């Protein structure tokens, strides 16, 4: 050895803090929803002006009290990519016990597509693994809506 001291570079591990940032609020006459119609009536004015599909997660506590909402994705006029990881992230960070998934159809037709059914199935499986109840997935059209829970489709997916 020629007297040189070998200096090892040390990898620096990034440290993070996860926090919620409140971006605003919307008015609602309900802290708890009794049925899918109430969800539709609250969310329809919000989604009415959207020219693309938006997927939103409503987060609820263990007594089904509404504690927040998060826009998970914004898609195109006919589709919105919704990965279970992205839908679950705000619910996990918010310590939600349950969620309601909502998305709009800019075409005005609330009928679910095959992709909507597949997305709902993936979400139901993912939320079940996390111990978060998926209470419903509601598709909002121009003047009506489709509820997977009302159609009896959520229980079949577990």
C-alpha atoms as a PDB file:
ATOM      1  CA  UNK A   1       0.000   0.000   0.000  1.00  0.00           C
ATOM      2  CA  UNK A   2       1.229   3.403  -0.744  1.00  0.00           C
ATOM      3  CA  UNK A   3      -0.167   5.108   2.346  1.00  0.00           C
ATOM      4  CA  UNK A   4      -3.423   6.288   0.752  1.00  0.00           C
ATOM      5  CA  UNK A   5      -6.535   5.976   2.860  1.00  0.00           C
ATOM      6  CA  UNK A   6      -9.520   4.680   0.960  1.00  0.00           C
ATOM      7  CA  UNK A   7     -12.595   6.822   1.610  1.00  0.00           C
ATOM      8  CA  UNK A   8     -15.877   5.041   1.104  1.00  0.00           C
ATOM      9  CA  UNK A   9     -18.741   7.140  -0.142  1.00  0.00           C
ATOM     10  CA  UNK A  10     -21.784   6.750   1.997  1.00  0.00           C
ATOM     11  CA  UNK A  11     -25.252   6.565   0.486  1.00  0.00           C
ATOM     12  CA  UNK A  12     -27.619   9.109   1.978  1.00  0.00           C
ATOM     13  CA  UNK A  13     -31.084   7.702   2.628  1.00  0.00           C
ATOM     14  CA  UNK A  14     -33.783  10.317   2.007  1.00  0.00           C
ATOM     15  CA  UNK A  15     -36.169  10.825   4.936  1.00  0.00           C
ATOM     16  CA  UNK A  16     -39.747  11.864   4.205  1.00  0.00           C
ATOM     17  CA  UNK A  17     -42.822  12.935   6.100  1.00  0.00           C
ATOM     18  CA  UNK A  18     -46.265  12.185   4.675  1.00  0.00           C
ATOM     19  CA  UNK A  19     -48.849  14.860   5.361  1.00  0.00           C
ATOM     20  CA  UNK A  20     -52.263  15.968   4.201  1.00  0.00           C
ATOM     21  CA  UNK A  21     -52.661  19.350   2.571  1.00  0.00           C
ATOM     22  CA  UNK A  22     -56.149  20.814   2.518  1.00  0.00           C
ATOM     23  CA  UNK A  23     -56.779  22.493  -0.828  1.00  0.00           C
ATOM     24  CA  UNK A  24     -60.236  23.851  -0.081  1.00  0.00           C
ATOM     25  CA  UNK A  25     -63.729  22.564   0.546  1.00  0.00           C
ATOM     26  CA  UNK A  26     -67.148  22.201  -1.034  1.00  0.00           C
ATOM     27  CA  UNK A  27     -70.521  22.641   0.626  1.00  0.00           C
ATOM     28  CA  UNK A  28     -72.690  19.639   1.434  1.00  0.00           C
ATOM     29  CA  UNK A  29     -75.939  19.311   3.375  1.00  0.00           C
ATOM     30  CA  UNK A  30     -74.792  15.810   4.362  1.00  0.00           C
ATOM     31  CA  UNK A  31     -72.015  14.618   6.637  1.00  0.00           C
ATOM     32  CA  UNK A  32     -73.238  11.083   6.049  1.00  0.00           C
ATOM     33  CA  UNK A  33     -74.893   9.773   2.940  1.00  0.00           C
ATOM     34  CA  UNK A  34     -78.015   7.631   3.302  1.00  0.00           C
ATOM     35  CA  UNK A  35     -78.068   6.476  -0.308  1.00  0.00           C
ATOM     36  CA  UNK A  36     -76.437   6.807  -3.713  1.00  0.00           C
ATOM     37  CA  UNK A  37     -78.968   9.447  -4.824  1.00  0.00           C
ATOM     38  CA  UNK A  38     -77.623  11.839  -2.154  1.00  0.00           C
ATOM     39  CA  UNK A  39     -74.068  11.294  -3.400  1.00  0.00           C
ATOM     40  CA  UNK A  40     -75.217  11.977  -6.974  1.00  0.00           C
ATOM     41  CA  UNK A  41     -77.030  15.170  -5.943  1.00  0.00           C
ATOM     42  CA  UNK A  42     -73.948  16.530  -4.159  1.00  0.00           C
ATOM     43  CA  UNK A  43     -71.395  15.507  -6.785  1.00  0.00           C
ATOM     44  CA  UNK A  44     -73.364  16.275  -9.983  1.00  0.00           C
ATOM     45  CA  UNK A  45     -72.918  20.076  -9.761  1.00  0.00           C
ATOM     46  CA  UNK A  46     -69.198  19.567  -9.201  1.00  0.00           C
ATOM     47  CA  UNK A  47     -68.777  17.253 -12.202  1.00  0.00           C
ATOM     48  CA  UNK A  48     -71.231  19.021 -14.535  1.00  0.00           C
ATOM     49  CA  UNK A  49     -68.589  21.238 -16.138  1.00  0.00           C
ATOM     50  CA  UNK A  50     -65.924  18.551 -16.536  1.00  0.00           C
ATOM     51  CA  UNK A  51     -65.080  17.936 -20.201  1.00  0.00           C
ATOM     52  CA  UNK A  52     -63.015  14.848 -19.323  1.00  0.00           C
ATOM     53  CA  UNK A  53     -63.493  11.910 -17.000  1.00  0.00           C
ATOM     54  CA  UNK A  54     -62.473  12.560 -13.399  1.00  0.00           C
ATOM     55  CA  UNK A  55     -62.188   9.815 -10.793  1.00  0.00           C
ATOM     56  CA  UNK A  56     -62.802  11.042  -7.254  1.00  0.00           C
ATOM     57  CA  UNK A  57     -62.597   9.197  -3.956  1.00  0.00           C
ATOM     58  CA  UNK A  58     -64.840  10.245  -1.071  1.00  0.00           C
ATOM     59  CA  UNK A  59     -63.276   9.170   2.217  1.00  0.00           C
ATOM     60  CA  UNK A  60     -65.307   8.255   5.294  1.00  0.00           C
ATOM     61  CA  UNK A  61     -64.528   7.455   8.902  1.00  0.00           C
ATOM     62  CA  UNK A  62     -65.624   4.324  10.790  1.00  0.00           C
ATOM     63  CA  UNK A  63     -69.117   5.780  11.291  1.00  0.00           C
ATOM     64  CA  UNK A  64     -69.395   6.624   7.564  1.00  0.00           C
ATOM     65  CA  UNK A  65     -68.975  10.345   8.210  1.00  0.00           C
ATOM     66  CA  UNK A  66     -67.510  12.162   5.225  1.00  0.00           C
ATOM     67  CA  UNK A  67     -63.968  13.277   6.099  1.00  0.00           C
ATOM     68  CA  UNK A  68     -62.594  14.297   2.719  1.00  0.00           C
ATOM     69  CA  UNK A  69     -62.394  13.879  -1.015  1.00  0.00           C
ATOM     70  CA  UNK A  70     -59.551  13.554  -3.498  1.00  0.00           C
ATOM     71  CA  UNK A  71     -59.365  13.675  -7.291  1.00  0.00           C
ATOM     72  CA  UNK A  72     -57.419  10.531  -8.138  1.00  0.00           C
ATOM     73  CA  UNK A  73     -57.161  10.994 -11.893  1.00  0.00           C
ATOM     74  CA  UNK A  74     -58.246  13.110 -14.829  1.00  0.00           C
ATOM     75  CA  UNK A  75     -58.545  11.256 -18.107  1.00  0.00           C
ATOM     76  CA  UNK A  76     -59.881  11.864 -21.586  1.00  0.00           C
ATOM     77  CA  UNK A  77     -63.423  12.307 -22.859  1.00  0.00           C
ATOM     78  CA  UNK A  78     -64.068   8.575 -22.680  1.00  0.00           C
ATOM     79  CA  UNK A  79     -61.640   7.048 -20.192  1.00  0.00           C
ATOM     80  CA  UNK A  80     -59.756   7.678 -16.995  1.00  0.00           C
ATOM     81  CA  UNK A  81     -56.889   5.496 -15.839  1.00  0.00           C
ATOM     82  CA  UNK A  82     -57.462   4.521 -12.212  1.00  0.00           C
ATOM     83  CA  UNK A  83     -54.799   2.419 -10.581  1.00  0.00           C
ATOM     84  CA  UNK A  84     -55.803   0.934  -7.199  1.00  0.00           C
ATOM     85  CA  UNK A  85     -52.578   2.261  -5.664  1.00  0.00           C
ATOM     86  CA  UNK A  86     -53.495   5.837  -6.594  1.00  0.00           C
ATOM     87  CA  UNK A  87     -57.088   5.444  -5.412  1.00  0.00           C
ATOM     88  CA  UNK A  88     -55.985   3.950  -2.086  1.00  0.00           C
ATOM     89  CA  UNK A  89     -53.206   6.449  -1.351  1.00  0.00           C
ATOM     90  CA  UNK A  90     -55.441   9.324  -0.172  1.00  0.00           C
ATOM     91  CA  UNK A  91     -57.642   6.918   1.807  1.00  0.00           C
ATOM     92  CA  UNK A  92     -54.656   5.415   3.616  1.00  0.00           C
ATOM     93  CA  UNK A  93     -53.073   8.804   4.350  1.00  0.00           C
ATOM     94  CA  UNK A  94     -56.437  10.129   5.567  1.00  0.00           C
ATOM     95  CA  UNK A  95     -57.001   7.052   7.782  1.00  0.00           C
ATOM     96  CA  UNK A  96     -60.314   6.386   6.046  1.00  0.00           C
ATOM     97  CA  UNK A  97     -62.325   3.357   7.109  1.00  0.00           C
ATOM     98  CA  UNK A  98     -64.420   3.410   3.941  1.00  0.00           C
ATOM     99  CA  UNK A  99     -64.525   5.027   0.502  1.00  0.00           C
ATOM    100  CA  UNK A 100     -66.963   5.787  -2.274  1.00  0.00           C
ATOM    101  CA  UNK A 101     -65.501   5.968  -5.771  1.00  0.00           C
ATOM    102  CA  UNK A 102     -67.090   8.416  -8.192  1.00  0.00           C
ATOM    103  CA  UNK A 103     -66.441   9.228 -11.796  1.00  0.00           C
ATOM    104  CA  UNK A 104     -68.265  11.155 -14.454  1.00  0.00           C
ATOM    105  CA  UNK A 105     -69.122  10.295 -18.039  1.00  0.00           C
ATOM    106  CA  UNK A 106     -68.882  13.481 -20.131  1.00  0.00           C
ATOM    107  CA  UNK A 107     -71.048  11.785 -22.776  1.00  0.00           C
ATOM    108  CA  UNK A 108     -73.925  12.046 -20.300  1.00  0.00           C
ATOM    109  CA  UNK A 109     -74.661   8.295 -20.375  1.00  0.00           C
ATOM    110  CA  UNK A 110     -74.137   6.809 -16.906  1.00  0.00           C
ATOM    111  CA  UNK A 111     -74.133   3.179 -18.093  1.00  0.00           C
ATOM    112  CA  UNK A 112     -70.944   1.391 -16.974  1.00  0.00           C
ATOM    113  CA  UNK A 113     -68.495   0.198 -19.600  1.00  0.00           C
ATOM    114  CA  UNK A 114     -66.615  -3.087 -19.418  1.00  0.00           C
ATOM    115  CA  UNK A 115     -63.592  -1.054 -18.279  1.00  0.00           C
ATOM    116  CA  UNK A 116     -65.685   0.531 -15.496  1.00  0.00           C
ATOM    117  CA  UNK A 117     -66.698  -2.931 -14.278  1.00  0.00           C
ATOM    118  CA  UNK A 118     -63.104  -4.187 -14.381  1.00  0.00           C
ATOM    119  CA  UNK A 119     -61.857  -1.082 -12.578  1.00  0.00           C
ATOM    120  CA  UNK A 120     -64.463  -1.540  -9.847  1.00  0.00           C
ATOM    121  CA  UNK A 121     -63.460  -5.164  -9.393  1.00  0.00           C
ATOM    122  CA  UNK A 122     -59.767  -4.225  -9.034  1.00  0.00           C
ATOM    123  CA  UNK A 123     -60.626  -1.449  -6.575  1.00  0.00           C
ATOM    124  CA  UNK A 124     -62.838  -3.761  -4.487  1.00  0.00           C
ATOM    125  CA  UNK A 125     -60.021  -6.320  -4.239  1.00  0.00           C
ATOM    126  CA  UNK A 126     -57.374  -3.726  -3.376  1.00  0.00           C
ATOM    127  CA  UNK A 127     -59.438  -1.934  -0.740  1.00  0.00           C
ATOM    128  CA  UNK A 128     -60.447  -5.246   0.824  1.00  0.00           C
ATOM    129  CA  UNK A 129     -56.758  -6.164   1.241  1.00  0.00           C
ATOM    130  CA  UNK A 130     -56.157  -2.819   2.938  1.00  0.00           C
ATOM    131  CA  UNK A 131     -59.114  -3.217   5.286  1.00  0.00           C
ATOM    132  CA  UNK A 132     -60.933  -0.248   3.773  1.00  0.00           C
ATOM    133  CA  UNK A 133     -64.570  -0.786   2.779  1.00  0.00           C
ATOM    134  CA  UNK A 134     -65.501   0.190  -0.788  1.00  0.00           C
ATOM    135  CA  UNK A 135     -69.107   1.222  -0.186  1.00  0.00           C
ATOM    136  CA  UNK A 136     -69.922   2.117  -3.780  1.00  0.00           C
ATOM    137  CA  UNK A 137     -68.638   3.211  -7.156  1.00  0.00           C
ATOM    138  CA  UNK A 138     -71.001   5.735  -8.694  1.00  0.00           C
ATOM    139  CA  UNK A 139     -70.912   6.841 -12.316  1.00  0.00           C
ATOM    140  CA  UNK A 140     -72.397  10.290 -12.847  1.00  0.00           C
ATOM    141  CA  UNK A 141     -74.115  11.055 -16.135  1.00  0.00           C
ATOM    142  CA  UNK A 142     -75.923  14.154 -17.337  1.00  0.00           C
ATOM    143  CA  UNK A 143     -79.195  13.608 -15.484  1.00  0.00           C
ATOM    144  CA  UNK A 144     -78.833  10.185 -13.901  1.00  0.00           C
ATOM    145  CA  UNK A 145     -76.275   7.897 -12.311  1.00  0.00           C
ATOM    146  CA  UNK A 146     -75.264   4.262 -11.953  1.00  0.00           C
ATOM    147  CA  UNK A 147     -74.455   2.748  -8.567  1.00  0.00           C
ATOM    148  CA  UNK A 148     -72.540  -0.528  -8.433  1.00  0.00           C
ATOM    149  CA  UNK A 149     -73.844  -1.075  -4.880  1.00  0.00           C
ATOM    150  CA  UNK A 150     -77.481  -0.468  -5.864  1.00  0.00           C
ATOM    151  CA  UNK A 151     -77.050  -2.857  -8.808  1.00  0.00           C
ATOM    152  CA  UNK A 152     -75.780  -5.510  -6.372  1.00  0.00           C
ATOM    153  CA  UNK A 153     -72.421  -5.723  -8.129  1.00  0.00           C
ATOM    154  CA  UNK A 154     -70.037  -4.876  -5.278  1.00  0.00           C
ATOM    155  CA  UNK A 155     -70.812  -7.927  -3.156  1.00  0.00           C
ATOM    156  CA  UNK A 156     -70.190 -10.201  -6.161  1.00  0.00           C
ATOM    157  CA  UNK A 157     -66.693  -8.784  -6.619  1.00  0.00           C
ATOM    158  CA  UNK A 158     -65.279  -9.619  -3.182  1.00  0.00           C
END
